[in-house]
Amino acid sequence: MPFLVAIALGLVFGLLTGGRIGNLARLRFRWPWLILAAVVVREAVLVTPLSRVDAARFGYALSLLAIVVWTVFHLERLSGIWLVTAGTALNLLVVVVNGARMPVAPESAGVLVQRGTVGPYMLMGPDTNLNMLGDWIRLYPLSTAYSPGDVLIGLGLAIVVFLAVRNPRPYRSELTPP
């Protein structure tokens, strides 16, 4: 949900500052199916009954890896995408070092307090690694906790959309003379 809000904010501020929504139609992505599949897998593992399947957490980790790879290949094409890459890479790092699970702070954990793990999430504690990169940030008025990586991803998405709406020639490579 916060990622959709970030995209919407980027769009609104882009339009308010003279951008055009048609500029988004000019965006051309390499391997659009890869990012679509990665996002679908990521969301499916988080919000469907797949979250109850222990092995699905590895699908979550692989989807993060696919998002990092896709964004790296778009660094020269989309201004601001490096923030999405950095945020996703931070999330991937903390997930990998915790056995394909994201640690969640106890005060934000809900059902994790009773179960210990749910899908790709685990209760943060002394046995989890890199807790400062886990889900502990509360964004008012949302009740869910987010990681520093999530905050970077949201900021990056807002900037990418804002710049794409504002720029009639969205690719940086087109801005440099031959």
Protein backbone atom coordinates (compact mmCIF):
# COMPACT_ATOMS: atom_id res chain seq x y z
CA MET A 1 0.00 0.00 0.00
CA PRO A 2 2.69 2.60 0.83
CA PHE A 3 4.34 1.90 -2.53
CA LEU A 4 1.10 2.74 -4.31
CA VAL A 5 0.83 5.93 -2.25
CA ALA A 6 4.40 6.83 -3.22
CA ILE A 7 3.61 6.29 -6.91
CA ALA A 8 0.43 8.38 -6.59
CA LEU A 9 2.33 11.19 -4.84
CA GLY A 10 4.99 11.20 -7.54
CA LEU A 11 2.26 11.38 -10.17
CA VAL A 12 0.32 14.17 -8.43
CA PHE A 13 3.41 16.32 -7.75
CA GLY A 14 4.64 15.72 -11.29
CA LEU A 15 1.33 16.93 -12.70
CA LEU A 16 1.13 19.89 -10.30
CA THR A 17 4.56 21.07 -11.42
CA GLY A 18 3.71 21.06 -15.12
CA GLY A 19 4.30 17.45 -16.08
CA ARG A 20 2.13 15.40 -18.38
CA ILE A 21 0.68 11.98 -17.72
CA GLY A 22 1.40 11.11 -21.36
CA ASN A 23 5.09 11.15 -20.53
CA LEU A 24 4.57 7.92 -18.61
CA ALA A 25 3.40 6.26 -21.83
CA ARG A 26 6.81 7.00 -23.36
CA LEU A 27 8.61 4.85 -20.82
CA ARG A 28 10.06 1.72 -22.36
CA PHE A 29 11.33 -0.98 -20.07
CA ARG A 30 13.66 -3.88 -20.70
CA TRP A 31 12.08 -7.20 -19.71
CA PRO A 32 8.81 -5.81 -18.35
CA TRP A 33 7.64 -9.37 -17.68
CA LEU A 34 10.51 -9.86 -15.17
CA ILE A 35 9.53 -6.96 -12.94
CA LEU A 36 5.85 -7.86 -13.25
CA ALA A 37 6.51 -11.50 -12.29
CA ALA A 38 8.78 -10.46 -9.40
CA VAL A 39 6.22 -8.06 -7.96
CA VAL A 40 3.39 -10.60 -8.38
CA VAL A 41 5.41 -13.33 -6.62
CA ARG A 42 6.43 -10.93 -3.85
CA GLU A 43 2.84 -9.85 -3.24
CA ALA A 44 1.46 -13.40 -3.56
CA VAL A 45 3.81 -14.63 -0.85
CA LEU A 46 2.80 -11.73 1.39
CA VAL A 47 -0.99 -11.59 1.03
CA THR A 48 -2.26 -14.98 -0.17
CA PRO A 49 -2.45 -18.39 1.51
CA LEU A 50 1.06 -18.97 0.14
CA SER A 51 2.24 -17.12 3.24
CA ARG A 52 1.41 -20.30 5.17
CA VAL A 53 3.78 -22.39 3.02
CA ASP A 54 7.23 -22.34 4.61
CA ALA A 55 9.12 -22.74 1.31
CA ALA A 56 7.35 -19.68 -0.15
CA ARG A 57 9.78 -17.49 1.77
CA PHE A 58 12.45 -18.50 -0.73
CA GLY A 59 10.19 -17.27 -3.54
CA TYR A 60 10.01 -13.97 -1.67
CA ALA A 61 13.82 -13.76 -1.50
CA LEU A 62 14.12 -14.64 -5.20
CA SER A 63 11.57 -11.96 -6.09
CA LEU A 64 13.67 -9.38 -4.24
CA LEU A 65 16.73 -10.54 -6.16
CA ALA A 66 14.83 -10.23 -9.46
CA ILE A 67 13.75 -6.68 -8.55
CA VAL A 68 17.36 -5.73 -7.75
CA VAL A 69 18.58 -7.18 -11.07
CA TRP A 70 15.81 -5.46 -13.05
CA THR A 71 16.42 -2.08 -11.46
CA VAL A 72 20.19 -2.34 -11.99
CA PHE A 73 19.56 -2.78 -15.71
CA HIS A 74 17.44 0.38 -15.64
CA LEU A 75 19.84 2.66 -13.74
CA GLU A 76 20.76 4.57 -16.91
CA ARG A 77 17.19 4.65 -18.18
CA LEU A 78 15.22 5.88 -15.17
CA SER A 79 16.35 8.75 -13.00
CA GLY A 80 15.95 7.91 -9.34
CA ILE A 81 15.64 4.14 -9.79
CA TRP A 82 18.88 3.72 -7.85
CA LEU A 83 16.91 4.41 -4.65
CA VAL A 84 14.60 1.50 -5.45
CA THR A 85 17.67 -0.66 -6.15
CA ALA A 86 19.31 0.36 -2.85
CA GLY A 87 16.14 -0.21 -0.81
CA THR A 88 15.44 -3.59 -2.37
CA ALA A 89 19.08 -4.61 -1.93
CA LEU A 90 18.89 -3.72 1.78
CA ASN A 91 15.73 -5.80 2.13
CA LEU A 92 17.35 -8.68 0.26
CA LEU A 93 20.42 -8.51 2.49
CA VAL A 94 18.46 -8.70 5.74
CA VAL A 95 16.20 -11.44 4.34
CA VAL A 96 19.15 -13.57 3.17
CA VAL A 97 21.05 -13.33 6.47
CA ASN A 98 17.88 -14.38 8.33
CA GLY A 99 17.12 -17.55 6.37
CA ALA A 100 14.81 -15.91 3.79
CA ARG A 101 12.78 -14.09 6.44
CA MET A 102 12.36 -10.42 7.31
CA PRO A 103 12.60 -9.68 11.05
CA VAL A 104 9.73 -7.63 12.44
CA ALA A 105 9.87 -5.62 15.68
CA PRO A 106 7.75 -7.21 18.45
CA GLU A 107 5.61 -4.08 18.94
CA SER A 108 4.55 -4.32 15.27
CA ALA A 109 4.46 -8.08 14.92
CA GLY A 110 0.82 -8.95 15.70
CA VAL A 111 0.35 -12.69 15.09
CA LEU A 112 4.12 -13.21 14.90
CA VAL A 113 4.28 -12.82 18.67
CA GLN A 114 2.35 -16.08 19.07
CA ARG A 115 3.75 -17.97 16.06
CA GLY A 116 7.35 -16.73 15.70
CA THR A 117 7.20 -16.89 11.90
CA VAL A 118 4.56 -16.23 9.26
CA GLY A 119 5.54 -16.65 5.62
CA PRO A 120 8.61 -14.52 4.96
CA TYR A 121 8.43 -12.78 8.35
CA MET A 122 9.91 -13.64 11.73
CA LEU A 123 9.80 -12.06 15.14
CA MET A 124 12.83 -9.81 15.68
CA GLY A 125 14.98 -10.79 18.61
CA PRO A 126 18.53 -11.46 19.79
CA ASP A 127 18.85 -14.42 17.39
CA THR A 128 17.97 -12.40 14.29
CA ASN A 129 20.60 -10.57 12.25
CA LEU A 130 20.75 -6.96 11.07
CA ASN A 131 17.65 -5.97 13.03
CA MET A 132 18.20 -2.32 12.15
CA LEU A 133 17.37 -3.26 8.53
CA GLY A 134 14.22 -5.17 9.51
CA ASP A 135 10.65 -3.94 9.79
CA TRP A 136 10.56 -1.50 12.73
CA ILE A 137 9.65 1.91 11.25
CA ARG A 138 6.07 3.05 11.86
CA LEU A 139 4.64 5.46 9.27
CA TYR A 140 1.70 7.30 10.78
CA PRO A 141 -1.23 6.61 10.33
CA LEU A 142 -0.37 3.10 9.07
CA SER A 143 -0.22 0.38 11.71
CA THR A 144 2.27 -1.80 9.85
CA ALA A 145 6.02 -1.54 10.36
CA TYR A 146 8.39 -0.95 7.46
CA SER A 147 12.11 -1.41 6.94
CA PRO A 148 14.61 1.28 6.01
CA GLY A 149 14.73 -0.48 2.63
CA ASP A 150 10.97 -0.06 2.23
CA VAL A 151 11.31 3.67 2.95
CA LEU A 152 14.01 3.97 0.26
CA ILE A 153 11.87 2.02 -2.20
CA GLY A 154 8.88 4.29 -1.58
CA LEU A 155 10.98 7.42 -1.91
CA GLY A 156 12.57 6.04 -5.08
CA LEU A 157 9.22 5.16 -6.65
CA ALA A 158 7.88 8.65 -5.94
CA ILE A 159 10.97 10.25 -7.50
CA VAL A 160 10.96 7.96 -10.55
CA VAL A 161 7.31 8.71 -11.28
CA PHE A 162 7.71 12.43 -10.57
CA LEU A 163 10.69 12.73 -12.92
CA ALA A 164 9.06 10.59 -15.60
CA VAL A 165 5.91 12.74 -15.55
CA ARG A 166 7.94 15.97 -15.62
CA ASN A 167 10.38 14.87 -18.34
CA PRO A 168 9.04 14.55 -21.89
CA ARG A 169 12.14 12.48 -22.74
CA PRO A 170 12.29 10.01 -19.86
CA TYR A 171 15.54 8.23 -20.68
CA ARG A 172 18.74 9.87 -19.55
CA SER A 173 20.59 8.26 -22.47
CA GLU A 174 18.42 10.31 -24.85
CA LEU A 175 19.41 13.55 -23.15
CA THR A 176 23.09 13.25 -24.03
CA PRO A 177 24.01 14.28 -27.58
CA PRO A 178 25.44 11.51 -29.83
